[in-house]
Amino acid sequence: TIITYGKQVLDSLKAAETLAKEGIDVEVIDLRSLFPLDKDAIYNSIEKTHKVVVVSEEAKRGAFTGEIASMIAEERFYELDAPIKRIGALNTPIAFASNLESYILPNEQDIVLAVKSLF
């Protein structure tokens, strides 16, 4: 299960297509709203996949992905077959120049590698 929101939905969907070509089926959950949070969609997907990657453009430290991971760990820990993976921007100010920004923000390849690391 890839849980994400915002621009990372597009990268997550691309990653899901790449992974499908390699025989790894994933579900991408577009949260659309962080409050209220659709816990049912998250938990139903975890019951099927038993693995979770949470993706955001925020710097990983202090990101909302930590809240999502914490909620899953508290309420669905025994459904998981692997540790929860979190992907976020590097813990540095986001560059204004787009060529530098691409080094800081997560991308499709980061998501693919995170999912593969769970197997």
N, C-alpha and C. Protein backbone atom coordinates (compact mmCIF):
# COMPACT_ATOMS: atom_id res chain seq x y z
N THR A 1 0.84 -1.18 0.00
CA THR A 1 0.00 0.00 0.00
C THR A 1 0.88 1.24 0.00
N ILE A 2 0.65 2.13 -0.95
CA ILE A 2 1.31 3.43 -0.96
C ILE A 2 0.27 4.46 -0.55
N ILE A 3 0.53 5.17 0.53
CA ILE A 3 -0.38 6.20 1.03
C ILE A 3 0.26 7.54 0.74
N THR A 4 -0.47 8.42 0.06
CA THR A 4 0.12 9.69 -0.35
C THR A 4 -0.95 10.74 -0.56
N TYR A 5 -0.50 11.94 -0.89
CA TYR A 5 -1.41 13.05 -1.19
C TYR A 5 -0.66 14.09 -2.00
N GLY A 6 -1.41 14.99 -2.63
CA GLY A 6 -0.79 16.06 -3.40
C GLY A 6 -0.07 15.57 -4.64
N LYS A 7 1.01 16.26 -5.01
CA LYS A 7 1.76 15.92 -6.22
C LYS A 7 2.33 14.51 -6.18
N GLN A 8 2.59 14.00 -5.01
CA GLN A 8 3.19 12.66 -4.92
C GLN A 8 2.24 11.56 -5.37
N VAL A 9 0.96 11.88 -5.53
CA VAL A 9 0.02 10.89 -6.08
C VAL A 9 0.48 10.50 -7.48
N LEU A 10 0.86 11.48 -8.30
CA LEU A 10 1.30 11.19 -9.67
C LEU A 10 2.55 10.32 -9.68
N ASP A 11 3.54 10.66 -8.87
CA ASP A 11 4.76 9.84 -8.81
C ASP A 11 4.45 8.44 -8.28
N SER A 12 3.54 8.34 -7.33
CA SER A 12 3.17 7.04 -6.77
C SER A 12 2.46 6.18 -7.80
N LEU A 13 1.59 6.78 -8.60
CA LEU A 13 0.90 6.03 -9.65
C LEU A 13 1.89 5.54 -10.72
N LYS A 14 2.86 6.38 -11.07
CA LYS A 14 3.90 5.97 -12.01
C LYS A 14 4.72 4.83 -11.42
N ALA A 15 5.06 4.93 -10.14
CA ALA A 15 5.81 3.87 -9.47
C ALA A 15 5.01 2.57 -9.46
N ALA A 16 3.71 2.67 -9.23
CA ALA A 16 2.85 1.48 -9.23
C ALA A 16 2.87 0.80 -10.60
N GLU A 17 2.86 1.60 -11.67
CA GLU A 17 2.93 1.03 -13.03
C GLU A 17 4.27 0.32 -13.25
N THR A 18 5.34 0.94 -12.82
CA THR A 18 6.67 0.34 -12.95
C THR A 18 6.75 -0.96 -12.17
N LEU A 19 6.24 -0.95 -10.95
CA LEU A 19 6.27 -2.15 -10.11
C LEU A 19 5.39 -3.25 -10.69
N ALA A 20 4.25 -2.89 -11.28
CA ALA A 20 3.36 -3.89 -11.88
C ALA A 20 4.07 -4.64 -13.01
N LYS A 21 4.90 -3.93 -13.77
CA LYS A 21 5.67 -4.57 -14.85
C LYS A 21 6.66 -5.58 -14.31
N GLU A 22 7.02 -5.42 -13.04
CA GLU A 22 7.96 -6.34 -12.39
C GLU A 22 7.24 -7.38 -11.54
N GLY A 23 5.91 -7.41 -11.63
CA GLY A 23 5.13 -8.40 -10.92
C GLY A 23 4.77 -8.04 -9.49
N ILE A 24 4.95 -6.79 -9.11
CA ILE A 24 4.60 -6.34 -7.76
C ILE A 24 3.36 -5.45 -7.86
N ASP A 25 2.25 -5.93 -7.34
CA ASP A 25 1.01 -5.17 -7.37
C ASP A 25 0.89 -4.34 -6.10
N VAL A 26 0.63 -3.06 -6.27
CA VAL A 26 0.45 -2.17 -5.12
C VAL A 26 -0.86 -1.42 -5.26
N GLU A 27 -1.38 -0.98 -4.14
CA GLU A 27 -2.53 -0.09 -4.11
C GLU A 27 -2.03 1.29 -3.74
N VAL A 28 -2.49 2.30 -4.48
CA VAL A 28 -2.15 3.68 -4.17
C VAL A 28 -3.38 4.34 -3.57
N ILE A 29 -3.23 4.88 -2.38
CA ILE A 29 -4.33 5.59 -1.72
C ILE A 29 -4.03 7.09 -1.79
N ASP A 30 -4.90 7.82 -2.49
CA ASP A 30 -4.82 9.28 -2.55
C ASP A 30 -5.69 9.81 -1.42
N LEU A 31 -5.06 10.32 -0.39
CA LEU A 31 -5.81 10.76 0.79
C LEU A 31 -6.76 11.91 0.51
N ARG A 32 -6.44 12.78 -0.43
CA ARG A 32 -7.27 13.94 -0.78
C ARG A 32 -7.52 14.87 0.39
N SER A 33 -7.79 14.32 1.53
CA SER A 33 -8.06 15.12 2.73
C SER A 33 -7.25 14.53 3.89
N LEU A 34 -6.54 15.39 4.60
CA LEU A 34 -5.79 14.91 5.76
C LEU A 34 -6.63 14.98 7.02
N PHE A 35 -7.67 15.79 6.98
CA PHE A 35 -8.60 15.85 8.11
C PHE A 35 -9.98 16.17 7.57
N PRO A 36 -10.92 15.29 7.61
CA PRO A 36 -10.81 13.97 8.25
C PRO A 36 -9.99 13.00 7.40
N LEU A 37 -9.31 12.11 8.05
CA LEU A 37 -8.48 11.11 7.41
C LEU A 37 -9.31 9.86 7.17
N ASP A 38 -9.22 9.29 5.97
CA ASP A 38 -9.99 8.10 5.62
C ASP A 38 -9.28 6.85 6.14
N LYS A 39 -9.44 6.60 7.43
CA LYS A 39 -8.78 5.45 8.06
C LYS A 39 -9.27 4.13 7.46
N ASP A 40 -10.55 4.06 7.13
CA ASP A 40 -11.09 2.81 6.58
C ASP A 40 -10.38 2.41 5.29
N ALA A 41 -10.16 3.36 4.40
CA ALA A 41 -9.46 3.07 3.14
C ALA A 41 -8.05 2.58 3.43
N ILE A 42 -7.38 3.22 4.36
CA ILE A 42 -6.01 2.84 4.72
C ILE A 42 -6.00 1.43 5.31
N TYR A 43 -6.84 1.18 6.29
CA TYR A 43 -6.84 -0.11 6.97
C TYR A 43 -7.29 -1.25 6.06
N ASN A 44 -8.28 -1.00 5.19
CA ASN A 44 -8.73 -2.03 4.25
C ASN A 44 -7.60 -2.42 3.30
N SER A 45 -6.83 -1.45 2.86
CA SER A 45 -5.71 -1.75 1.97
C SER A 45 -4.61 -2.52 2.69
N ILE A 46 -4.32 -2.12 3.92
CA ILE A 46 -3.29 -2.82 4.70
C ILE A 46 -3.68 -4.28 4.92
N GLU A 47 -4.96 -4.55 5.13
CA GLU A 47 -5.42 -5.93 5.31
C GLU A 47 -5.15 -6.77 4.07
N LYS A 48 -5.09 -6.13 2.89
CA LYS A 48 -4.82 -6.86 1.64
C LYS A 48 -3.32 -6.98 1.37
N THR A 49 -2.58 -5.90 1.60
CA THR A 49 -1.17 -5.87 1.17
C THR A 49 -0.18 -6.20 2.28
N HIS A 50 -0.50 -5.86 3.50
CA HIS A 50 0.34 -6.11 4.68
C HIS A 50 1.68 -5.36 4.65
N LYS A 51 1.78 -4.36 3.76
CA LYS A 51 2.99 -3.54 3.68
C LYS A 51 2.57 -2.10 3.41
N VAL A 52 3.35 -1.13 3.92
CA VAL A 52 2.96 0.28 3.79
C VAL A 52 4.17 1.15 3.48
N VAL A 53 3.97 2.04 2.50
CA VAL A 53 4.91 3.12 2.22
C VAL A 53 4.09 4.41 2.25
N VAL A 54 4.51 5.38 3.05
CA VAL A 54 3.82 6.66 3.15
C VAL A 54 4.70 7.71 2.48
N VAL A 55 4.13 8.45 1.52
CA VAL A 55 4.92 9.36 0.69
C VAL A 55 4.39 10.78 0.78
N SER A 56 5.32 11.74 0.90
CA SER A 56 4.96 13.16 0.95
C SER A 56 6.13 13.99 0.44
N GLU A 57 5.83 15.21 -0.01
CA GLU A 57 6.89 16.14 -0.41
C GLU A 57 7.49 16.88 0.77
N GLU A 58 6.87 16.77 1.92
CA GLU A 58 7.40 17.45 3.11
C GLU A 58 8.75 16.86 3.50
N ALA A 59 9.57 17.66 4.16
CA ALA A 59 10.79 17.11 4.75
C ALA A 59 10.35 16.00 5.71
N LYS A 60 11.04 14.90 5.69
CA LYS A 60 10.63 13.73 6.46
C LYS A 60 10.50 14.03 7.96
N ARG A 61 11.44 14.80 8.50
CA ARG A 61 11.39 15.13 9.92
C ARG A 61 10.22 16.08 10.19
N GLY A 62 9.31 15.68 11.04
CA GLY A 62 8.17 16.51 11.40
C GLY A 62 7.02 16.46 10.42
N ALA A 63 7.07 15.57 9.44
CA ALA A 63 6.04 15.50 8.41
C ALA A 63 4.79 14.78 8.90
N PHE A 64 3.68 15.03 8.22
CA PHE A 64 2.42 14.37 8.55
C PHE A 64 2.51 12.86 8.30
N THR A 65 3.45 12.44 7.47
CA THR A 65 3.64 11.01 7.24
C THR A 65 3.96 10.28 8.54
N GLY A 66 4.61 10.97 9.46
CA GLY A 66 4.90 10.38 10.77
C GLY A 66 3.64 10.10 11.56
N GLU A 67 2.66 10.99 11.46
CA GLU A 67 1.38 10.79 12.13
C GLU A 67 0.65 9.59 11.53
N ILE A 68 0.68 9.49 10.21
CA ILE A 68 0.02 8.36 9.54
C ILE A 68 0.70 7.06 9.95
N ALA A 69 2.03 7.04 9.92
CA ALA A 69 2.77 5.84 10.30
C ALA A 69 2.50 5.47 11.76
N SER A 70 2.45 6.46 12.62
CA SER A 70 2.17 6.23 14.04
C SER A 70 0.79 5.63 14.24
N MET A 71 -0.19 6.17 13.54
CA MET A 71 -1.56 5.67 13.64
C MET A 71 -1.63 4.21 13.20
N ILE A 72 -0.96 3.89 12.10
CA ILE A 72 -0.96 2.51 11.60
C ILE A 72 -0.26 1.59 12.59
N ALA A 73 0.88 2.03 13.13
CA ALA A 73 1.62 1.22 14.10
C ALA A 73 0.79 0.96 15.35
N GLU A 74 0.05 1.96 15.79
CA GLU A 74 -0.77 1.81 17.00
C GLU A 74 -2.00 0.93 16.77
N GLU A 75 -2.61 1.04 15.59
CA GLU A 75 -3.90 0.40 15.39
C GLU A 75 -3.88 -0.83 14.48
N ARG A 76 -2.81 -1.02 13.69
CA ARG A 76 -2.77 -2.15 12.76
C ARG A 76 -1.40 -2.82 12.71
N PHE A 77 -0.63 -2.73 13.77
CA PHE A 77 0.73 -3.26 13.79
C PHE A 77 0.78 -4.74 13.39
N TYR A 78 -0.12 -5.54 13.89
CA TYR A 78 -0.08 -6.98 13.65
C TYR A 78 -0.54 -7.37 12.26
N GLU A 79 -1.02 -6.41 11.48
CA GLU A 79 -1.37 -6.66 10.07
C GLU A 79 -0.14 -6.54 9.17
N LEU A 80 0.94 -5.95 9.69
CA LEU A 80 2.10 -5.64 8.86
C LEU A 80 3.09 -6.80 8.78
N ASP A 81 3.62 -7.02 7.57
CA ASP A 81 4.66 -8.02 7.36
C ASP A 81 6.05 -7.40 7.29
N ALA A 82 6.12 -6.08 7.33
CA ALA A 82 7.40 -5.37 7.22
C ALA A 82 7.26 -4.02 7.91
N PRO A 83 8.38 -3.39 8.24
CA PRO A 83 8.29 -2.05 8.84
C PRO A 83 7.64 -1.04 7.89
N ILE A 84 7.02 -0.04 8.45
CA ILE A 84 6.43 1.04 7.66
C ILE A 84 7.57 1.88 7.10
N LYS A 85 7.51 2.18 5.81
CA LYS A 85 8.51 3.04 5.17
C LYS A 85 7.92 4.42 4.97
N ARG A 86 8.71 5.45 5.24
CA ARG A 86 8.30 6.84 5.00
C ARG A 86 9.25 7.46 4.00
N ILE A 87 8.68 8.15 3.02
CA ILE A 87 9.48 8.85 2.02
C ILE A 87 9.09 10.32 2.07
N GLY A 88 10.09 11.18 2.13
CA GLY A 88 9.85 12.61 2.12
C GLY A 88 11.04 13.33 1.53
N ALA A 89 10.94 14.63 1.47
CA ALA A 89 12.06 15.44 0.99
C ALA A 89 13.22 15.32 1.96
N LEU A 90 14.40 15.61 1.47
CA LEU A 90 15.56 15.64 2.35
C LEU A 90 15.35 16.71 3.42
N ASN A 91 15.96 16.52 4.55
CA ASN A 91 15.82 17.48 5.66
C ASN A 91 16.69 18.71 5.41
N THR A 92 16.27 19.49 4.45
CA THR A 92 16.99 20.69 4.05
C THR A 92 15.98 21.66 3.45
N PRO A 93 16.28 22.94 3.40
CA PRO A 93 15.34 23.87 2.76
C PRO A 93 15.12 23.47 1.29
N ILE A 94 13.90 23.60 0.82
CA ILE A 94 13.58 23.27 -0.56
C ILE A 94 14.15 24.36 -1.47
N ALA A 95 14.91 23.95 -2.46
CA ALA A 95 15.54 24.90 -3.38
C ALA A 95 14.50 25.54 -4.29
N PHE A 96 14.72 26.79 -4.65
CA PHE A 96 13.83 27.49 -5.57
C PHE A 96 14.08 27.05 -7.00
N ALA A 97 15.32 26.81 -7.35
CA ALA A 97 15.67 26.39 -8.71
C ALA A 97 15.18 24.96 -8.94
N SER A 98 14.42 24.76 -10.03
CA SER A 98 13.82 23.45 -10.26
C SER A 98 14.86 22.35 -10.45
N ASN A 99 16.02 22.67 -11.03
CA ASN A 99 17.03 21.63 -11.20
C ASN A 99 17.61 21.18 -9.86
N LEU A 100 17.63 22.06 -8.87
CA LEU A 100 18.07 21.67 -7.52
C LEU A 100 16.94 21.02 -6.73
N GLU A 101 15.73 21.49 -6.96
CA GLU A 101 14.57 20.94 -6.27
C GLU A 101 14.43 19.44 -6.53
N SER A 102 14.75 19.02 -7.74
CA SER A 102 14.60 17.61 -8.10
C SER A 102 15.53 16.71 -7.29
N TYR A 103 16.61 17.25 -6.74
CA TYR A 103 17.51 16.46 -5.90
C TYR A 103 16.98 16.32 -4.47
N ILE A 104 16.09 17.20 -4.09
CA ILE A 104 15.61 17.25 -2.70
C ILE A 104 14.29 16.50 -2.52
N LEU A 105 13.41 16.64 -3.52
CA LEU A 105 12.07 16.04 -3.41
C LEU A 105 12.09 14.57 -3.81
N PRO A 106 11.20 13.77 -3.23
CA PRO A 106 11.12 12.36 -3.61
C PRO A 106 10.60 12.23 -5.04
N ASN A 107 10.94 11.10 -5.67
CA ASN A 107 10.49 10.87 -7.04
C ASN A 107 10.04 9.42 -7.21
N GLU A 108 9.64 9.09 -8.42
CA GLU A 108 9.14 7.75 -8.72
C GLU A 108 10.14 6.67 -8.32
N GLN A 109 11.41 6.89 -8.64
CA GLN A 109 12.43 5.88 -8.33
C GLN A 109 12.58 5.67 -6.82
N ASP A 110 12.49 6.73 -6.05
CA ASP A 110 12.55 6.59 -4.58
C ASP A 110 11.41 5.70 -4.08
N ILE A 111 10.24 5.88 -4.66
CA ILE A 111 9.07 5.10 -4.24
C ILE A 111 9.24 3.64 -4.64
N VAL A 112 9.69 3.41 -5.87
CA VAL A 112 9.92 2.04 -6.34
C VAL A 112 10.91 1.32 -5.42
N LEU A 113 12.01 1.97 -5.11
CA LEU A 113 13.03 1.35 -4.24
C LEU A 113 12.49 1.07 -2.85
N ALA A 114 11.68 1.98 -2.31
CA ALA A 114 11.11 1.77 -0.98
C ALA A 114 10.18 0.57 -0.97
N VAL A 115 9.34 0.45 -1.99
CA VAL A 115 8.43 -0.70 -2.05
C VAL A 115 9.22 -2.00 -2.18
N LYS A 116 10.19 -2.02 -3.07
CA LYS A 116 11.00 -3.24 -3.25
C LYS A 116 11.72 -3.64 -1.97
N SER A 117 12.10 -2.67 -1.16
CA SER A 117 12.82 -2.99 0.08
C SER A 117 11.94 -3.73 1.10
N LEU A 118 10.64 -3.73 0.88
CA LEU A 118 9.73 -4.40 1.81
C LEU A 118 9.59 -5.89 1.51
N PHE A 119 10.15 -6.33 0.39
CA PHE A 119 10.02 -7.74 0.00
C PHE A 119 11.29 -8.51 0.25
